[in-house]
Amino acid sequence: MKLVFTWIQGCWKWTQARLLVEKYGFTLLEMWAELRKLADWESELWKRVKQTIESWALVTPSVVWEIMNEVITSQTNDKLILDWFVRNEWNRQSLDNITNDYKVVFFELSKEKAIDRLLGRMYDPITWETFPSSFKVNPSTWTELIKRKDDNEASILKRIDEFMNNTLPTALEQEKQWKVIRVNADQDVESVFKELTTKLWL
């Protein structure tokens, strides 16, 4: 089972991903984390990506496909959560060229609630995980949480606009292909997870 997490910022999808990992043995793949691994390994693929970035050229769909293909096909666990893999139409086409066997989990949350959550959320500077404002430490590592510098209103609105203009239309297109599972993210964590697992038949 491959799950593509699609969300508006602030829906706490990290929390849901962690629960699926802990309780059902999923592997969480986050695009930025996987890119960091490629950089650490100094792989040939990373060298090409780096050259593209340093020359101020656009990363082409073929390079996006290479990155996705490298990350996905190297996994031995068939239960995957793909986070930040599909943010626009380019990404969707790249993923479809690798595998068509996936479901999109769309965490529904209003723009107003997303802004409210983002303005109050806390951040683990070591694991990059985010938590509601009621958390002061990461319960898994006991790392003290801090406020993200980019969690200000201007940055938040920019990120939400990016979702509305690019990611949301892509998700709606995937819904026409019967790939999307909608989950109400405007609930407490336990209720969201119950709805998610029920709809995934876990």
N, C-alpha and C. Protein backbone atom coordinates (compact mmCIF):
# COMPACT_ATOMS: atom_id res chain seq x y z
N MET A 1 0.84 -1.20 0.00
CA MET A 1 0.00 0.00 0.00
C MET A 1 0.88 1.24 0.00
N LYS A 2 0.68 2.08 -1.01
CA LYS A 2 1.40 3.35 -1.09
C LYS A 2 0.41 4.49 -0.89
N LEU A 3 0.73 5.38 0.05
CA LEU A 3 -0.14 6.51 0.35
C LEU A 3 0.58 7.81 0.04
N VAL A 4 -0.08 8.68 -0.70
CA VAL A 4 0.44 10.02 -0.96
C VAL A 4 -0.32 10.98 -0.05
N PHE A 5 0.39 11.63 0.86
CA PHE A 5 -0.27 12.58 1.76
C PHE A 5 -0.36 13.94 1.09
N THR A 6 -1.58 14.44 0.98
CA THR A 6 -1.83 15.78 0.44
C THR A 6 -2.57 16.57 1.49
N TRP A 7 -2.17 17.81 1.68
CA TRP A 7 -2.73 18.56 2.79
C TRP A 7 -2.58 20.05 2.59
N ILE A 8 -3.39 20.77 3.30
CA ILE A 8 -3.15 22.19 3.48
C ILE A 8 -2.23 22.31 4.71
N GLN A 9 -1.35 23.27 4.71
CA GLN A 9 -0.45 23.44 5.84
C GLN A 9 -1.26 23.52 7.14
N GLY A 10 -0.79 22.84 8.17
CA GLY A 10 -1.44 22.92 9.47
C GLY A 10 -2.42 21.82 9.79
N CYS A 11 -2.53 20.79 8.94
CA CYS A 11 -3.50 19.73 9.20
C CYS A 11 -2.93 18.62 10.08
N TRP A 12 -1.69 18.78 10.54
CA TRP A 12 -1.02 17.81 11.41
C TRP A 12 -0.83 16.45 10.75
N LYS A 13 -0.54 16.43 9.48
CA LYS A 13 -0.34 15.15 8.79
C LYS A 13 0.88 14.42 9.31
N TRP A 14 1.88 15.15 9.85
CA TRP A 14 3.06 14.49 10.44
C TRP A 14 2.64 13.57 11.57
N THR A 15 1.72 14.03 12.40
CA THR A 15 1.25 13.22 13.52
C THR A 15 0.58 11.96 13.01
N GLN A 16 -0.25 12.09 11.99
CA GLN A 16 -0.93 10.92 11.43
C GLN A 16 0.07 9.96 10.78
N ALA A 17 1.08 10.50 10.12
CA ALA A 17 2.11 9.65 9.51
C ALA A 17 2.86 8.87 10.58
N ARG A 18 3.23 9.55 11.67
CA ARG A 18 3.95 8.88 12.75
C ARG A 18 3.12 7.74 13.35
N LEU A 19 1.82 7.97 13.49
CA LEU A 19 0.96 6.94 14.05
C LEU A 19 0.88 5.72 13.13
N LEU A 20 0.80 5.95 11.82
CA LEU A 20 0.78 4.83 10.87
C LEU A 20 2.10 4.06 10.91
N VAL A 21 3.20 4.79 11.07
CA VAL A 21 4.51 4.14 11.17
C VAL A 21 4.58 3.28 12.43
N GLU A 22 4.17 3.86 13.56
CA GLU A 22 4.29 3.18 14.84
C GLU A 22 3.33 2.00 14.98
N LYS A 23 2.10 2.16 14.52
CA LYS A 23 1.06 1.16 14.77
C LYS A 23 0.89 0.14 13.64
N TYR A 24 1.27 0.53 12.41
CA TYR A 24 1.00 -0.36 11.28
C TYR A 24 2.23 -0.64 10.42
N GLY A 25 3.41 -0.19 10.84
CA GLY A 25 4.64 -0.56 10.16
C GLY A 25 4.90 0.11 8.83
N PHE A 26 4.30 1.28 8.60
CA PHE A 26 4.57 2.02 7.37
C PHE A 26 5.97 2.63 7.42
N THR A 27 6.52 2.90 6.26
CA THR A 27 7.76 3.67 6.13
C THR A 27 7.39 5.05 5.61
N LEU A 28 7.85 6.08 6.32
CA LEU A 28 7.57 7.46 5.90
C LEU A 28 8.72 7.98 5.06
N LEU A 29 8.41 8.41 3.84
CA LEU A 29 9.40 9.00 2.95
C LEU A 29 9.02 10.46 2.72
N GLU A 30 9.87 11.35 3.17
CA GLU A 30 9.63 12.78 2.96
C GLU A 30 10.63 13.28 1.93
N MET A 31 10.14 13.96 0.92
CA MET A 31 10.99 14.35 -0.21
C MET A 31 12.25 15.09 0.23
N TRP A 32 12.10 16.10 1.13
CA TRP A 32 13.27 16.88 1.52
C TRP A 32 14.27 16.02 2.28
N ALA A 33 13.79 15.10 3.12
CA ALA A 33 14.69 14.22 3.86
C ALA A 33 15.44 13.30 2.90
N GLU A 34 14.74 12.81 1.87
CA GLU A 34 15.38 11.92 0.91
C GLU A 34 16.42 12.67 0.07
N LEU A 35 16.14 13.93 -0.24
CA LEU A 35 17.12 14.74 -0.96
C LEU A 35 18.37 14.96 -0.12
N ARG A 36 18.18 15.14 1.19
CA ARG A 36 19.33 15.31 2.07
C ARG A 36 20.18 14.04 2.10
N LYS A 37 19.52 12.88 2.06
CA LYS A 37 20.27 11.62 2.02
C LYS A 37 21.09 11.52 0.74
N LEU A 38 20.46 11.88 -0.39
CA LEU A 38 21.20 11.85 -1.66
C LEU A 38 22.41 12.77 -1.60
N ALA A 39 22.23 13.92 -0.95
CA ALA A 39 23.34 14.86 -0.82
C ALA A 39 24.45 14.28 0.06
N ASP A 40 24.06 13.64 1.16
CA ASP A 40 25.05 13.05 2.07
C ASP A 40 25.84 11.95 1.38
N TRP A 41 25.16 11.20 0.52
CA TRP A 41 25.83 10.11 -0.18
C TRP A 41 26.66 10.60 -1.37
N GLU A 42 26.46 11.87 -1.74
CA GLU A 42 27.13 12.43 -2.93
C GLU A 42 26.88 11.54 -4.15
N SER A 43 25.63 11.11 -4.30
CA SER A 43 25.26 10.25 -5.41
C SER A 43 25.35 11.01 -6.73
N GLU A 44 25.45 10.27 -7.82
CA GLU A 44 25.51 10.89 -9.14
C GLU A 44 24.24 11.69 -9.43
N LEU A 45 23.10 11.16 -8.98
CA LEU A 45 21.85 11.87 -9.17
C LEU A 45 21.88 13.20 -8.44
N TRP A 46 22.36 13.21 -7.20
CA TRP A 46 22.42 14.46 -6.44
C TRP A 46 23.35 15.46 -7.11
N LYS A 47 24.45 14.99 -7.67
CA LYS A 47 25.39 15.89 -8.34
C LYS A 47 24.71 16.61 -9.51
N ARG A 48 23.85 15.88 -10.25
CA ARG A 48 23.14 16.50 -11.36
C ARG A 48 22.12 17.51 -10.85
N VAL A 49 21.41 17.15 -9.77
CA VAL A 49 20.44 18.08 -9.18
C VAL A 49 21.15 19.33 -8.70
N LYS A 50 22.28 19.15 -8.03
CA LYS A 50 23.04 20.28 -7.48
C LYS A 50 23.52 21.20 -8.59
N GLN A 51 24.00 20.61 -9.67
CA GLN A 51 24.48 21.41 -10.80
C GLN A 51 23.33 22.24 -11.39
N THR A 52 22.15 21.63 -11.46
CA THR A 52 20.98 22.33 -11.98
C THR A 52 20.63 23.52 -11.09
N ILE A 53 20.61 23.29 -9.77
CA ILE A 53 20.26 24.35 -8.83
C ILE A 53 21.30 25.48 -8.88
N GLU A 54 22.58 25.11 -8.89
CA GLU A 54 23.64 26.12 -8.86
C GLU A 54 23.71 26.95 -10.13
N SER A 55 23.21 26.38 -11.23
CA SER A 55 23.21 27.13 -12.49
C SER A 55 21.93 27.95 -12.66
N TRP A 56 21.07 27.93 -11.62
CA TRP A 56 19.81 28.66 -11.62
C TRP A 56 18.83 28.16 -12.69
N ALA A 57 19.06 26.93 -13.15
CA ALA A 57 18.14 26.35 -14.13
C ALA A 57 16.98 25.67 -13.38
N LEU A 58 15.87 25.50 -14.07
CA LEU A 58 14.73 24.83 -13.47
C LEU A 58 14.97 23.32 -13.44
N VAL A 59 14.55 22.70 -12.34
CA VAL A 59 14.62 21.24 -12.26
C VAL A 59 13.54 20.69 -13.18
N THR A 60 13.94 19.92 -14.16
CA THR A 60 13.01 19.44 -15.19
C THR A 60 12.17 18.27 -14.69
N PRO A 61 11.04 17.98 -15.36
CA PRO A 61 10.24 16.82 -14.99
C PRO A 61 11.03 15.51 -15.02
N SER A 62 11.97 15.38 -15.94
CA SER A 62 12.74 14.14 -16.02
C SER A 62 13.61 13.95 -14.78
N VAL A 63 14.15 15.05 -14.24
CA VAL A 63 14.96 14.96 -13.02
C VAL A 63 14.07 14.64 -11.83
N VAL A 64 12.88 15.26 -11.78
CA VAL A 64 11.92 14.94 -10.72
C VAL A 64 11.59 13.46 -10.76
N TRP A 65 11.36 12.94 -11.96
CA TRP A 65 11.07 11.51 -12.10
C TRP A 65 12.23 10.67 -11.59
N GLU A 66 13.46 11.04 -11.92
CA GLU A 66 14.64 10.29 -11.46
C GLU A 66 14.71 10.24 -9.94
N ILE A 67 14.45 11.38 -9.30
CA ILE A 67 14.52 11.44 -7.84
C ILE A 67 13.46 10.51 -7.24
N MET A 68 12.22 10.64 -7.72
CA MET A 68 11.14 9.80 -7.21
C MET A 68 11.43 8.32 -7.43
N ASN A 69 11.89 8.01 -8.63
CA ASN A 69 12.16 6.62 -8.98
C ASN A 69 13.25 6.03 -8.08
N GLU A 70 14.30 6.81 -7.85
CA GLU A 70 15.40 6.37 -6.99
C GLU A 70 14.91 6.07 -5.58
N VAL A 71 14.11 6.97 -5.05
CA VAL A 71 13.64 6.84 -3.67
C VAL A 71 12.64 5.70 -3.53
N ILE A 72 11.65 5.64 -4.41
CA ILE A 72 10.56 4.68 -4.27
C ILE A 72 11.00 3.26 -4.57
N THR A 73 11.72 3.06 -5.65
CA THR A 73 12.08 1.70 -6.06
C THR A 73 13.16 1.08 -5.18
N SER A 74 13.84 1.88 -4.37
CA SER A 74 14.87 1.34 -3.49
C SER A 74 14.29 0.81 -2.17
N GLN A 75 12.98 0.99 -1.96
CA GLN A 75 12.36 0.58 -0.70
C GLN A 75 12.02 -0.91 -0.71
N THR A 76 12.20 -1.56 0.45
CA THR A 76 11.83 -2.97 0.59
C THR A 76 10.46 -3.12 1.25
N ASN A 77 10.04 -2.11 1.99
CA ASN A 77 8.72 -2.13 2.62
C ASN A 77 7.68 -1.72 1.59
N ASP A 78 6.62 -2.51 1.44
CA ASP A 78 5.59 -2.16 0.45
C ASP A 78 4.52 -1.24 1.04
N LYS A 79 4.66 -0.86 2.32
CA LYS A 79 3.73 0.08 2.94
C LYS A 79 4.44 1.42 3.09
N LEU A 80 4.16 2.34 2.17
CA LEU A 80 4.89 3.60 2.12
C LEU A 80 3.96 4.79 2.26
N ILE A 81 4.45 5.82 2.94
CA ILE A 81 3.80 7.12 2.97
C ILE A 81 4.71 8.10 2.25
N LEU A 82 4.21 8.69 1.17
CA LEU A 82 4.99 9.63 0.37
C LEU A 82 4.55 11.04 0.72
N ASP A 83 5.45 11.77 1.36
CA ASP A 83 5.15 13.11 1.86
C ASP A 83 5.93 14.14 1.06
N TRP A 84 5.23 15.15 0.53
CA TRP A 84 5.81 16.20 -0.32
C TRP A 84 6.27 15.66 -1.68
N PHE A 85 5.75 14.51 -2.09
CA PHE A 85 6.12 13.96 -3.39
C PHE A 85 5.24 14.53 -4.50
N VAL A 86 3.99 14.83 -4.20
CA VAL A 86 3.08 15.33 -5.24
C VAL A 86 2.55 16.70 -4.80
N ARG A 87 3.17 17.75 -5.34
CA ARG A 87 2.76 19.11 -5.00
C ARG A 87 2.19 19.85 -6.22
N ASN A 88 2.36 19.27 -7.41
CA ASN A 88 1.87 19.91 -8.62
C ASN A 88 1.69 18.85 -9.71
N GLU A 89 1.28 19.28 -10.88
CA GLU A 89 1.00 18.35 -11.97
C GLU A 89 2.25 17.63 -12.45
N TRP A 90 3.38 18.31 -12.46
CA TRP A 90 4.64 17.66 -12.83
C TRP A 90 4.89 16.45 -11.94
N ASN A 91 4.75 16.69 -10.62
CA ASN A 91 5.00 15.62 -9.66
C ASN A 91 4.05 14.44 -9.87
N ARG A 92 2.78 14.77 -10.13
CA ARG A 92 1.79 13.69 -10.34
C ARG A 92 2.16 12.84 -11.54
N GLN A 93 2.52 13.49 -12.63
CA GLN A 93 2.88 12.74 -13.83
C GLN A 93 4.13 11.89 -13.59
N SER A 94 5.08 12.44 -12.85
CA SER A 94 6.30 11.69 -12.54
C SER A 94 5.97 10.43 -11.74
N LEU A 95 5.12 10.60 -10.71
CA LEU A 95 4.75 9.44 -9.90
C LEU A 95 3.98 8.41 -10.71
N ASP A 96 3.05 8.86 -11.54
CA ASP A 96 2.26 7.93 -12.35
C ASP A 96 3.13 7.14 -13.31
N ASN A 97 4.25 7.72 -13.73
CA ASN A 97 5.16 7.00 -14.62
C ASN A 97 6.00 5.96 -13.89
N ILE A 98 6.01 6.05 -12.55
CA ILE A 98 6.74 5.07 -11.74
C ILE A 98 5.80 3.98 -11.25
N THR A 99 4.66 4.41 -10.72
CA THR A 99 3.66 3.47 -10.21
C THR A 99 2.29 4.12 -10.25
N ASN A 100 1.29 3.34 -10.55
CA ASN A 100 -0.09 3.82 -10.52
C ASN A 100 -0.82 3.23 -9.33
N ASP A 101 -0.09 2.44 -8.55
CA ASP A 101 -0.67 1.72 -7.42
C ASP A 101 -0.49 2.53 -6.14
N TYR A 102 -1.32 3.57 -5.97
CA TYR A 102 -1.25 4.39 -4.77
C TYR A 102 -2.60 5.05 -4.52
N LYS A 103 -2.80 5.49 -3.27
CA LYS A 103 -3.97 6.26 -2.89
C LYS A 103 -3.51 7.60 -2.33
N VAL A 104 -4.29 8.62 -2.58
CA VAL A 104 -4.01 9.97 -2.07
C VAL A 104 -4.87 10.22 -0.84
N VAL A 105 -4.23 10.49 0.28
CA VAL A 105 -4.96 10.85 1.50
C VAL A 105 -5.01 12.37 1.57
N PHE A 106 -6.21 12.91 1.44
CA PHE A 106 -6.42 14.35 1.39
C PHE A 106 -7.00 14.80 2.73
N PHE A 107 -6.17 15.46 3.54
CA PHE A 107 -6.61 15.94 4.85
C PHE A 107 -7.31 17.29 4.67
N GLU A 108 -8.61 17.29 4.86
CA GLU A 108 -9.42 18.49 4.64
C GLU A 108 -9.42 19.40 5.87
N LEU A 109 -9.10 20.67 5.64
CA LEU A 109 -9.08 21.66 6.71
C LEU A 109 -9.31 23.03 6.09
N SER A 110 -10.10 23.86 6.74
CA SER A 110 -10.36 25.18 6.20
C SER A 110 -9.11 26.05 6.24
N LYS A 111 -9.06 27.03 5.36
CA LYS A 111 -7.92 27.95 5.32
C LYS A 111 -7.79 28.69 6.64
N GLU A 112 -8.92 29.11 7.22
CA GLU A 112 -8.90 29.86 8.47
C GLU A 112 -8.34 29.01 9.61
N LYS A 113 -8.77 27.76 9.70
CA LYS A 113 -8.27 26.88 10.76
C LYS A 113 -6.79 26.57 10.54
N ALA A 114 -6.38 26.41 9.28
CA ALA A 114 -4.97 26.14 8.98
C ALA A 114 -4.09 27.30 9.46
N ILE A 115 -4.51 28.52 9.18
CA ILE A 115 -3.74 29.70 9.60
C ILE A 115 -3.64 29.74 11.13
N ASP A 116 -4.74 29.49 11.79
CA ASP A 116 -4.77 29.52 13.25
C ASP A 116 -3.81 28.50 13.84
N ARG A 117 -3.81 27.29 13.28
CA ARG A 117 -2.92 26.24 13.79
C ARG A 117 -1.46 26.57 13.54
N LEU A 118 -1.17 27.07 12.34
CA LEU A 118 0.22 27.37 11.98
C LEU A 118 0.81 28.48 12.84
N LEU A 119 0.00 29.46 13.16
CA LEU A 119 0.49 30.56 13.99
C LEU A 119 0.84 30.09 15.40
N GLY A 120 0.25 28.96 15.81
CA GLY A 120 0.50 28.48 17.16
C GLY A 120 1.36 27.25 17.27
N ARG A 121 1.74 26.64 16.15
CA ARG A 121 2.43 25.35 16.24
C ARG A 121 3.88 25.50 16.70
N MET A 122 4.43 24.37 17.20
CA MET A 122 5.81 24.31 17.66
C MET A 122 6.58 23.31 16.79
N TYR A 123 7.91 23.37 16.88
CA TYR A 123 8.77 22.68 15.90
C TYR A 123 9.97 22.05 16.62
N ASP A 124 10.31 20.80 16.25
CA ASP A 124 11.49 20.12 16.78
C ASP A 124 12.66 20.42 15.85
N PRO A 125 13.68 21.16 16.28
CA PRO A 125 14.79 21.54 15.39
C PRO A 125 15.69 20.38 14.99
N ILE A 126 15.53 19.22 15.64
CA ILE A 126 16.36 18.06 15.32
C ILE A 126 15.66 17.13 14.33
N THR A 127 14.40 16.79 14.62
CA THR A 127 13.68 15.84 13.76
C THR A 127 12.82 16.52 12.70
N TRP A 128 12.64 17.84 12.80
CA TRP A 128 11.81 18.63 11.89
C TRP A 128 10.32 18.37 12.07
N GLU A 129 9.93 17.64 13.10
CA GLU A 129 8.52 17.37 13.34
C GLU A 129 7.84 18.61 13.90
N THR A 130 6.54 18.75 13.63
CA THR A 130 5.77 19.87 14.15
C THR A 130 4.69 19.36 15.10
N PHE A 131 4.32 20.21 16.06
CA PHE A 131 3.37 19.83 17.09
C PHE A 131 2.42 21.00 17.39
N PRO A 132 1.25 20.70 17.94
CA PRO A 132 0.35 21.77 18.36
C PRO A 132 1.00 22.64 19.43
N SER A 133 0.44 23.82 19.64
CA SER A 133 1.02 24.78 20.59
C SER A 133 1.02 24.26 22.02
N SER A 134 0.18 23.27 22.33
CA SER A 134 0.12 22.73 23.69
C SER A 134 1.34 21.89 24.03
N PHE A 135 2.13 21.48 23.02
CA PHE A 135 3.32 20.68 23.25
C PHE A 135 4.52 21.58 23.51
N LYS A 136 5.30 21.26 24.52
CA LYS A 136 6.52 22.01 24.82
C LYS A 136 7.77 21.22 24.48
N VAL A 137 7.65 19.87 24.47
CA VAL A 137 8.76 19.00 24.09
C VAL A 137 8.25 17.92 23.16
N ASN A 138 9.14 17.33 22.36
CA ASN A 138 8.80 16.18 21.52
C ASN A 138 8.62 14.97 22.44
N PRO A 139 7.43 14.37 22.51
CA PRO A 139 7.20 13.26 23.44
C PRO A 139 8.04 12.02 23.14
N SER A 140 8.59 11.92 21.92
CA SER A 140 9.42 10.77 21.57
C SER A 140 10.87 10.96 21.97
N THR A 141 11.37 12.20 21.87
CA THR A 141 12.79 12.46 22.10
C THR A 141 13.06 13.39 23.27
N TRP A 142 12.01 14.07 23.76
CA TRP A 142 12.11 15.06 24.82
C TRP A 142 12.95 16.27 24.42
N THR A 143 13.08 16.47 23.11
CA THR A 143 13.74 17.68 22.62
C THR A 143 12.82 18.88 22.86
N GLU A 144 13.39 19.99 23.33
CA GLU A 144 12.60 21.18 23.55
C GLU A 144 12.15 21.77 22.22
N LEU A 145 10.88 22.08 22.11
CA LEU A 145 10.32 22.60 20.87
C LEU A 145 10.49 24.11 20.79
N ILE A 146 10.59 24.61 19.57
CA ILE A 146 10.74 26.05 19.33
C ILE A 146 9.71 26.49 18.30
N LYS A 147 9.65 27.78 18.09
CA LYS A 147 8.77 28.35 17.07
C LYS A 147 9.53 28.47 15.76
N ARG A 148 8.95 28.01 14.65
CA ARG A 148 9.59 28.16 13.35
C ARG A 148 9.61 29.62 12.92
N LYS A 149 10.75 30.05 12.38
CA LYS A 149 10.88 31.44 11.96
C LYS A 149 9.91 31.80 10.83
N ASP A 150 9.58 30.81 9.99
CA ASP A 150 8.70 31.11 8.86
C ASP A 150 7.22 30.93 9.20
N ASP A 151 6.92 30.65 10.47
CA ASP A 151 5.52 30.56 10.86
C ASP A 151 5.01 31.94 11.27
N ASN A 152 5.11 32.86 10.33
CA ASN A 152 4.51 34.18 10.50
C ASN A 152 3.41 34.32 9.45
N GLU A 153 2.56 35.29 9.62
CA GLU A 153 1.36 35.36 8.77
C GLU A 153 1.69 35.49 7.28
N ALA A 154 2.69 36.29 6.93
CA ALA A 154 3.03 36.49 5.51
C ALA A 154 3.50 35.18 4.88
N SER A 155 4.40 34.47 5.57
CA SER A 155 4.92 33.20 5.03
C SER A 155 3.83 32.14 4.98
N ILE A 156 3.00 32.11 5.99
CA ILE A 156 1.92 31.13 6.04
C ILE A 156 0.96 31.33 4.87
N LEU A 157 0.57 32.56 4.62
CA LEU A 157 -0.35 32.85 3.52
C LEU A 157 0.26 32.47 2.18
N LYS A 158 1.57 32.68 2.03
CA LYS A 158 2.25 32.31 0.79
C LYS A 158 2.23 30.80 0.59
N ARG A 159 2.47 30.04 1.66
CA ARG A 159 2.48 28.58 1.54
C ARG A 159 1.08 28.05 1.26
N ILE A 160 0.08 28.65 1.89
CA ILE A 160 -1.30 28.21 1.66
C ILE A 160 -1.73 28.53 0.23
N ASP A 161 -1.33 29.69 -0.28
CA ASP A 161 -1.64 30.03 -1.67
C ASP A 161 -1.01 29.03 -2.64
N GLU A 162 0.21 28.61 -2.32
CA GLU A 162 0.88 27.60 -3.15
C GLU A 162 0.07 26.31 -3.18
N PHE A 163 -0.45 25.92 -2.02
CA PHE A 163 -1.28 24.72 -1.96
C PHE A 163 -2.55 24.90 -2.79
N MET A 164 -3.23 26.02 -2.60
CA MET A 164 -4.49 26.26 -3.29
C MET A 164 -4.31 26.34 -4.81
N ASN A 165 -3.22 26.93 -5.26
CA ASN A 165 -3.02 27.16 -6.70
C ASN A 165 -2.44 25.96 -7.43
N ASN A 166 -1.67 25.12 -6.74
CA ASN A 166 -0.98 24.02 -7.43
C ASN A 166 -1.34 22.63 -6.91
N THR A 167 -1.25 22.44 -5.59
CA THR A 167 -1.47 21.10 -5.04
C THR A 167 -2.94 20.70 -5.06
N LEU A 168 -3.82 21.62 -4.66
CA LEU A 168 -5.25 21.30 -4.63
C LEU A 168 -5.80 20.91 -6.00
N PRO A 169 -5.52 21.67 -7.08
CA PRO A 169 -6.02 21.25 -8.39
C PRO A 169 -5.51 19.86 -8.80
N THR A 170 -4.28 19.55 -8.43
CA THR A 170 -3.73 18.23 -8.74
C THR A 170 -4.49 17.15 -7.99
N ALA A 171 -4.78 17.39 -6.71
CA ALA A 171 -5.53 16.42 -5.92
C ALA A 171 -6.94 16.22 -6.48
N LEU A 172 -7.57 17.30 -6.94
CA LEU A 172 -8.91 17.19 -7.51
C LEU A 172 -8.89 16.39 -8.81
N GLU A 173 -7.80 16.52 -9.56
CA GLU A 173 -7.65 15.72 -10.78
C GLU A 173 -7.48 14.25 -10.42
N GLN A 174 -6.72 13.97 -9.37
CA GLN A 174 -6.55 12.58 -8.92
C GLN A 174 -7.86 12.01 -8.39
N GLU A 175 -8.70 12.87 -7.84
CA GLU A 175 -9.99 12.41 -7.33
C GLU A 175 -10.87 11.90 -8.47
N LYS A 176 -10.75 12.51 -9.63
CA LYS A 176 -11.51 12.04 -10.79
C LYS A 176 -11.09 10.63 -11.19
N GLN A 177 -9.87 10.24 -10.80
CA GLN A 177 -9.35 8.91 -11.10
C GLN A 177 -9.63 7.93 -9.96
N TRP A 178 -10.47 8.33 -9.00
CA TRP A 178 -10.84 7.51 -7.85
C TRP A 178 -9.65 7.15 -6.98
N LYS A 179 -8.69 8.05 -6.88
CA LYS A 179 -7.50 7.79 -6.08
C LYS A 179 -7.54 8.45 -4.71
N VAL A 180 -8.46 9.38 -4.49
CA VAL A 180 -8.41 10.23 -3.30
C VAL A 180 -9.30 9.70 -2.18
N ILE A 181 -8.74 9.68 -0.98
CA ILE A 181 -9.48 9.38 0.25
C ILE A 181 -9.50 10.66 1.07
N ARG A 182 -10.68 11.23 1.28
CA ARG A 182 -10.79 12.46 2.05
C ARG A 182 -10.94 12.15 3.54
N VAL A 183 -10.18 12.88 4.35
CA VAL A 183 -10.24 12.71 5.81
C VAL A 183 -10.44 14.09 6.44
N ASN A 184 -11.39 14.19 7.34
CA ASN A 184 -11.68 15.45 8.02
C ASN A 184 -10.59 15.72 9.06
N ALA A 185 -9.73 16.70 8.80
CA ALA A 185 -8.63 17.03 9.71
C ALA A 185 -9.03 18.01 10.79
N ASP A 186 -10.28 18.48 10.75
CA ASP A 186 -10.76 19.42 11.77
C ASP A 186 -11.37 18.66 12.94
N GLN A 187 -10.57 17.73 13.49
CA GLN A 187 -10.96 16.92 14.63
C GLN A 187 -9.74 16.77 15.53
N ASP A 188 -9.93 16.14 16.70
CA ASP A 188 -8.76 15.85 17.52
C ASP A 188 -7.96 14.74 16.85
N VAL A 189 -6.71 14.58 17.27
CA VAL A 189 -5.78 13.64 16.63
C VAL A 189 -6.34 12.23 16.60
N GLU A 190 -6.91 11.77 17.71
CA GLU A 190 -7.42 10.40 17.79
C GLU A 190 -8.58 10.17 16.82
N SER A 191 -9.46 11.16 16.69
CA SER A 191 -10.60 11.02 15.78
C SER A 191 -10.16 11.01 14.32
N VAL A 192 -9.16 11.85 14.00
CA VAL A 192 -8.63 11.86 12.63
C VAL A 192 -8.02 10.51 12.30
N PHE A 193 -7.24 9.96 13.25
CA PHE A 193 -6.58 8.68 13.01
C PHE A 193 -7.60 7.55 12.87
N LYS A 194 -8.66 7.58 13.67
CA LYS A 194 -9.70 6.56 13.56
C LYS A 194 -10.36 6.61 12.20
N GLU A 195 -10.69 7.83 11.73
CA GLU A 195 -11.31 7.97 10.41
C GLU A 195 -10.35 7.51 9.31
N LEU A 196 -9.08 7.88 9.45
CA LEU A 196 -8.07 7.51 8.46
C LEU A 196 -7.94 6.00 8.35
N THR A 197 -7.75 5.32 9.48
CA THR A 197 -7.54 3.87 9.46
C THR A 197 -8.79 3.12 9.00
N THR A 198 -9.95 3.67 9.33
CA THR A 198 -11.20 3.04 8.89
C THR A 198 -11.31 3.10 7.37
N LYS A 199 -11.00 4.26 6.81
CA LYS A 199 -11.11 4.42 5.37
C LYS A 199 -10.01 3.68 4.62
N LEU A 200 -8.90 3.37 5.30
CA LEU A 200 -7.83 2.58 4.69
C LEU A 200 -8.03 1.08 4.93
N TRP A 201 -9.06 0.72 5.65
CA TRP A 201 -9.36 -0.68 5.98
C TRP A 201 -8.22 -1.32 6.75
N LEU A 202 -7.67 -0.57 7.70
CA LEU A 202 -6.56 -1.11 8.54
C LEU A 202 -7.11 -1.67 9.85
